[in-house]
């Protein structure tokens, strides 16, 4: 699911992973299937994407994203943690696991 300034509040509920990518970003394109695979193995979060463009710049600025790819771990529409750049699958999975565990502890889930 691709998010934009008009629909993001509808989808960013609970724990979500958001990948902010650029159209011509090779690392972004490589990262997408890795994130899909990681999130498909979980039942406690959903994955969304934001394509960096003029139309999404306001949303990207709201989430304080300055480069692509950026991965956001969010609770509702608040950024809990962010990671910039390409990360290997094993490292990324460990990072996502730890951040989701932190959210669950913080919000007694």
N, C-alpha and C. Protein backbone atom coordinates (compact mmCIF):
# COMPACT_ATOMS: atom_id res chain seq x y z
N UNK A 1 0.84 -1.17 0.00
CA UNK A 1 0.00 0.00 0.00
C UNK A 1 0.89 1.24 0.00
N UNK A 2 0.59 2.13 -0.87
CA UNK A 2 1.33 3.39 -0.99
C UNK A 2 0.59 4.49 -0.25
N UNK A 3 1.29 5.20 0.59
CA UNK A 3 0.69 6.27 1.37
C UNK A 3 0.95 7.62 0.73
N UNK A 4 0.03 8.55 0.99
CA UNK A 4 0.20 9.93 0.57
C UNK A 4 -0.42 10.83 1.64
N UNK A 5 -0.36 12.12 1.42
CA UNK A 5 -0.83 13.06 2.43
C UNK A 5 -2.33 12.95 2.69
N UNK A 6 -3.07 12.38 1.75
CA UNK A 6 -4.52 12.27 1.90
C UNK A 6 -4.96 10.99 2.62
N UNK A 7 -4.17 9.92 2.56
CA UNK A 7 -4.65 8.65 3.11
C UNK A 7 -3.85 8.12 4.30
N UNK A 8 -2.75 8.74 4.67
CA UNK A 8 -1.86 8.13 5.67
C UNK A 8 -2.52 7.94 7.03
N UNK A 9 -3.37 8.85 7.47
CA UNK A 9 -3.99 8.72 8.79
C UNK A 9 -4.94 7.52 8.84
N UNK A 10 -5.49 7.18 7.71
CA UNK A 10 -6.40 6.03 7.63
C UNK A 10 -5.66 4.71 7.86
N UNK A 11 -4.40 4.62 7.44
CA UNK A 11 -3.66 3.37 7.49
C UNK A 11 -2.66 3.26 8.65
N UNK A 12 -2.14 4.36 9.12
CA UNK A 12 -1.12 4.31 10.16
C UNK A 12 -1.77 4.19 11.53
N UNK A 13 -2.22 2.97 11.82
CA UNK A 13 -2.86 2.67 13.11
C UNK A 13 -2.18 1.44 13.68
N UNK A 14 -1.84 1.49 14.95
CA UNK A 14 -1.11 0.38 15.55
C UNK A 14 0.35 0.44 15.13
N UNK A 15 0.99 -0.72 15.12
CA UNK A 15 2.40 -0.79 14.75
C UNK A 15 2.52 -0.95 13.24
N UNK A 16 3.27 -0.06 12.61
CA UNK A 16 3.48 -0.13 11.17
C UNK A 16 4.95 0.09 10.84
N UNK A 17 5.33 -0.47 9.70
CA UNK A 17 6.65 -0.24 9.12
C UNK A 17 6.41 0.55 7.85
N UNK A 18 7.10 1.66 7.70
CA UNK A 18 6.93 2.49 6.51
C UNK A 18 8.28 2.62 5.82
N UNK A 19 8.29 2.28 4.54
CA UNK A 19 9.51 2.45 3.75
C UNK A 19 9.33 3.68 2.87
N UNK A 20 10.23 4.63 3.01
CA UNK A 20 10.22 5.82 2.17
C UNK A 20 11.28 5.60 1.10
N UNK A 21 10.84 5.64 -0.15
CA UNK A 21 11.73 5.30 -1.25
C UNK A 21 11.68 6.36 -2.34
N UNK A 22 12.65 6.26 -3.23
CA UNK A 22 12.70 7.14 -4.40
C UNK A 22 12.55 6.32 -5.66
N UNK A 23 11.95 6.90 -6.65
CA UNK A 23 11.65 6.21 -7.90
C UNK A 23 12.87 5.60 -8.57
N UNK A 24 13.98 6.30 -8.56
CA UNK A 24 15.16 5.80 -9.27
C UNK A 24 16.25 5.34 -8.30
N UNK A 25 15.86 4.98 -7.09
CA UNK A 25 16.81 4.57 -6.05
C UNK A 25 16.99 3.05 -6.09
N UNK A 26 18.17 2.60 -6.49
CA UNK A 26 18.44 1.16 -6.60
C UNK A 26 18.35 0.48 -5.24
N UNK A 27 18.87 1.10 -4.20
CA UNK A 27 18.78 0.51 -2.86
C UNK A 27 17.34 0.39 -2.39
N UNK A 28 16.51 1.35 -2.76
CA UNK A 28 15.09 1.31 -2.40
C UNK A 28 14.42 0.11 -3.06
N UNK A 29 14.68 -0.09 -4.32
CA UNK A 29 14.08 -1.20 -5.06
C UNK A 29 14.56 -2.55 -4.51
N UNK A 30 15.81 -2.62 -4.09
CA UNK A 30 16.35 -3.85 -3.51
C UNK A 30 15.75 -4.11 -2.13
N UNK A 31 15.49 -3.06 -1.39
CA UNK A 31 14.99 -3.17 -0.03
C UNK A 31 13.52 -3.60 0.05
N UNK A 32 12.71 -3.20 -0.93
CA UNK A 32 11.27 -3.48 -0.88
C UNK A 32 10.94 -4.97 -0.66
N UNK A 33 11.47 -5.89 -1.48
CA UNK A 33 11.11 -7.30 -1.26
C UNK A 33 11.65 -7.85 0.06
N UNK A 34 12.76 -7.30 0.54
CA UNK A 34 13.30 -7.73 1.83
C UNK A 34 12.34 -7.35 2.95
N UNK A 35 11.87 -6.11 2.92
CA UNK A 35 10.91 -5.66 3.93
C UNK A 35 9.61 -6.45 3.83
N UNK A 36 9.14 -6.68 2.61
CA UNK A 36 7.92 -7.47 2.42
C UNK A 36 8.07 -8.83 3.09
N UNK A 37 9.20 -9.47 2.89
CA UNK A 37 9.46 -10.79 3.46
C UNK A 37 9.49 -10.74 4.99
N UNK A 38 10.14 -9.76 5.55
CA UNK A 38 10.23 -9.64 7.01
C UNK A 38 8.84 -9.43 7.61
N UNK A 39 8.08 -8.52 7.05
CA UNK A 39 6.77 -8.19 7.62
C UNK A 39 5.76 -9.32 7.41
N UNK A 40 5.84 -10.03 6.30
CA UNK A 40 4.93 -11.16 6.06
C UNK A 40 5.08 -12.24 7.13
N UNK A 41 6.24 -12.34 7.74
CA UNK A 41 6.47 -13.34 8.78
C UNK A 41 5.90 -12.93 10.14
N UNK A 42 5.40 -11.72 10.23
CA UNK A 42 4.89 -11.19 11.50
C UNK A 42 3.38 -11.00 11.40
N UNK A 43 2.71 -11.02 12.53
CA UNK A 43 1.28 -10.73 12.54
C UNK A 43 0.97 -9.51 13.42
N UNK A 44 2.00 -8.79 13.81
CA UNK A 44 1.81 -7.66 14.71
C UNK A 44 2.11 -6.30 14.09
N UNK A 45 2.32 -6.26 12.77
CA UNK A 45 2.57 -4.99 12.11
C UNK A 45 2.19 -5.09 10.63
N UNK A 46 2.09 -3.94 10.00
CA UNK A 46 1.80 -3.88 8.57
C UNK A 46 2.85 -3.02 7.89
N UNK A 47 3.04 -3.25 6.60
CA UNK A 47 4.04 -2.53 5.82
C UNK A 47 3.36 -1.58 4.85
N UNK A 48 3.86 -0.35 4.81
CA UNK A 48 3.38 0.66 3.86
C UNK A 48 4.58 1.33 3.21
N UNK A 49 4.34 1.97 2.08
CA UNK A 49 5.40 2.65 1.33
C UNK A 49 4.99 4.09 1.06
N UNK A 50 5.99 4.95 1.02
CA UNK A 50 5.81 6.33 0.58
C UNK A 50 6.85 6.58 -0.51
N UNK A 51 6.40 6.98 -1.66
CA UNK A 51 7.29 7.33 -2.77
C UNK A 51 7.63 8.81 -2.66
N UNK A 52 8.91 9.12 -2.56
CA UNK A 52 9.33 10.52 -2.46
C UNK A 52 9.02 11.25 -3.76
N UNK A 53 8.19 12.27 -3.65
CA UNK A 53 7.82 13.08 -4.81
C UNK A 53 7.32 14.43 -4.30
N UNK A 54 7.03 15.33 -5.23
CA UNK A 54 6.48 16.63 -4.84
C UNK A 54 5.18 16.46 -4.07
N UNK A 55 4.37 15.46 -4.46
CA UNK A 55 3.07 15.23 -3.83
C UNK A 55 3.19 14.71 -2.40
N UNK A 56 4.28 14.04 -2.08
CA UNK A 56 4.43 13.45 -0.74
C UNK A 56 5.44 14.20 0.13
N UNK A 57 6.00 15.28 -0.37
CA UNK A 57 7.04 16.01 0.36
C UNK A 57 6.56 16.50 1.72
N UNK A 58 5.34 16.96 1.82
CA UNK A 58 4.80 17.43 3.09
C UNK A 58 4.75 16.29 4.12
N UNK A 59 4.34 15.12 3.68
CA UNK A 59 4.28 13.95 4.55
C UNK A 59 5.69 13.49 4.95
N UNK A 60 6.60 13.48 4.01
CA UNK A 60 7.98 13.08 4.28
C UNK A 60 8.62 14.04 5.29
N UNK A 61 8.36 15.32 5.13
CA UNK A 61 8.87 16.30 6.08
C UNK A 61 8.27 16.11 7.47
N UNK A 62 6.99 15.78 7.53
CA UNK A 62 6.32 15.53 8.82
C UNK A 62 7.04 14.42 9.58
N UNK A 63 7.49 13.38 8.86
CA UNK A 63 8.16 12.26 9.48
C UNK A 63 9.68 12.45 9.57
N UNK A 64 10.16 13.64 9.21
CA UNK A 64 11.57 14.01 9.29
C UNK A 64 12.49 13.04 8.54
N UNK A 65 12.09 12.74 7.32
CA UNK A 65 12.89 11.88 6.44
C UNK A 65 13.72 12.79 5.54
N UNK A 66 15.04 12.54 5.51
CA UNK A 66 15.93 13.40 4.74
C UNK A 66 16.66 12.67 3.62
N UNK A 67 16.55 11.34 3.58
CA UNK A 67 17.19 10.58 2.51
C UNK A 67 16.42 9.28 2.29
N UNK A 68 16.63 8.69 1.14
CA UNK A 68 16.00 7.41 0.81
C UNK A 68 17.08 6.38 0.55
N UNK A 69 16.83 5.15 0.86
CA UNK A 69 15.65 4.66 1.58
C UNK A 69 15.74 4.96 3.07
N UNK A 70 14.57 5.18 3.65
CA UNK A 70 14.44 5.31 5.10
C UNK A 70 13.32 4.38 5.53
N UNK A 71 13.56 3.67 6.61
CA UNK A 71 12.55 2.78 7.17
C UNK A 71 12.11 3.37 8.50
N UNK A 72 10.81 3.50 8.66
CA UNK A 72 10.23 4.02 9.89
C UNK A 72 9.48 2.92 10.60
N UNK A 73 9.71 2.78 11.89
CA UNK A 73 8.87 1.93 12.73
C UNK A 73 7.97 2.91 13.46
N UNK A 74 6.66 2.72 13.29
CA UNK A 74 5.71 3.71 13.80
C UNK A 74 4.68 3.07 14.72
N UNK A 75 4.17 3.88 15.61
CA UNK A 75 3.02 3.50 16.42
C UNK A 75 1.98 4.58 16.19
N UNK A 76 0.86 4.16 15.65
CA UNK A 76 -0.14 5.08 15.12
C UNK A 76 0.57 5.95 14.08
N UNK A 77 0.41 7.24 14.10
CA UNK A 77 1.12 8.02 13.06
C UNK A 77 2.33 8.75 13.65
N UNK A 78 2.92 8.16 14.69
CA UNK A 78 4.11 8.72 15.31
C UNK A 78 5.33 7.84 15.02
N UNK A 79 6.42 8.48 14.62
CA UNK A 79 7.65 7.75 14.35
C UNK A 79 8.26 7.32 15.68
N UNK A 80 8.47 6.03 15.84
CA UNK A 80 9.10 5.48 17.04
C UNK A 80 10.60 5.32 16.82
N UNK A 81 10.99 4.89 15.61
CA UNK A 81 12.41 4.71 15.28
C UNK A 81 12.57 4.81 13.77
N UNK A 82 13.77 5.18 13.32
CA UNK A 82 14.04 5.25 11.89
C UNK A 82 15.43 4.71 11.59
N UNK A 83 15.55 4.22 10.38
CA UNK A 83 16.81 3.64 9.91
C UNK A 83 17.02 4.11 8.47
N UNK A 84 18.18 4.66 8.18
CA UNK A 84 18.45 5.18 6.84
C UNK A 84 19.40 4.26 6.09
N UNK A 85 19.17 4.17 4.79
CA UNK A 85 20.07 3.41 3.93
C UNK A 85 19.72 1.94 3.86
N UNK A 86 20.36 1.27 2.95
CA UNK A 86 20.15 -0.16 2.77
C UNK A 86 20.77 -0.94 3.93
N UNK A 87 20.05 -1.93 4.42
CA UNK A 87 20.53 -2.80 5.47
C UNK A 87 20.36 -4.25 5.03
N UNK A 88 21.29 -5.13 5.35
CA UNK A 88 21.12 -6.55 5.04
C UNK A 88 19.90 -7.11 5.78
N UNK A 89 19.28 -8.12 5.20
CA UNK A 89 18.03 -8.66 5.75
C UNK A 89 18.16 -9.08 7.22
N UNK A 90 19.23 -9.78 7.57
CA UNK A 90 19.39 -10.26 8.94
C UNK A 90 19.46 -9.10 9.94
N UNK A 91 20.22 -8.09 9.60
CA UNK A 91 20.36 -6.91 10.47
C UNK A 91 19.04 -6.17 10.58
N UNK A 92 18.38 -5.98 9.45
CA UNK A 92 17.12 -5.26 9.42
C UNK A 92 16.05 -5.99 10.24
N UNK A 93 16.01 -7.31 10.11
CA UNK A 93 15.02 -8.09 10.85
C UNK A 93 15.26 -7.97 12.36
N UNK A 94 16.50 -8.05 12.79
CA UNK A 94 16.82 -7.89 14.21
C UNK A 94 16.43 -6.50 14.71
N UNK A 95 16.71 -5.49 13.91
CA UNK A 95 16.38 -4.11 14.29
C UNK A 95 14.87 -3.93 14.42
N UNK A 96 14.12 -4.41 13.43
CA UNK A 96 12.66 -4.30 13.47
C UNK A 96 12.11 -5.06 14.67
N UNK A 97 12.60 -6.27 14.91
CA UNK A 97 12.15 -7.06 16.07
C UNK A 97 12.36 -6.28 17.37
N UNK A 98 13.53 -5.69 17.52
CA UNK A 98 13.82 -4.99 18.78
C UNK A 98 12.94 -3.75 18.93
N UNK A 99 12.70 -3.02 17.86
CA UNK A 99 11.88 -1.81 17.95
C UNK A 99 10.42 -2.15 18.23
N UNK A 100 9.92 -3.21 17.62
CA UNK A 100 8.54 -3.62 17.89
C UNK A 100 8.42 -4.10 19.34
N UNK A 101 9.41 -4.82 19.84
CA UNK A 101 9.41 -5.23 21.25
C UNK A 101 9.40 -4.00 22.17
N UNK A 102 10.18 -2.96 21.82
CA UNK A 102 10.20 -1.74 22.62
C UNK A 102 8.83 -1.06 22.64
N UNK A 103 8.17 -1.02 21.49
CA UNK A 103 6.82 -0.43 21.42
C UNK A 103 5.87 -1.22 22.31
N UNK A 104 5.91 -2.53 22.21
CA UNK A 104 5.00 -3.37 22.99
C UNK A 104 5.23 -3.17 24.49
N UNK A 105 6.47 -3.04 24.91
CA UNK A 105 6.76 -2.80 26.33
C UNK A 105 6.29 -1.41 26.76
N UNK A 106 6.56 -0.43 25.92
CA UNK A 106 6.19 0.94 26.27
C UNK A 106 4.69 1.13 26.38
N UNK A 107 3.94 0.47 25.50
CA UNK A 107 2.48 0.65 25.47
C UNK A 107 1.73 -0.55 26.08
N UNK A 108 2.46 -1.37 26.85
CA UNK A 108 1.86 -2.52 27.54
C UNK A 108 0.97 -3.36 26.62
N UNK A 109 1.55 -3.77 25.52
CA UNK A 109 0.79 -4.56 24.55
C UNK A 109 1.08 -6.04 24.72
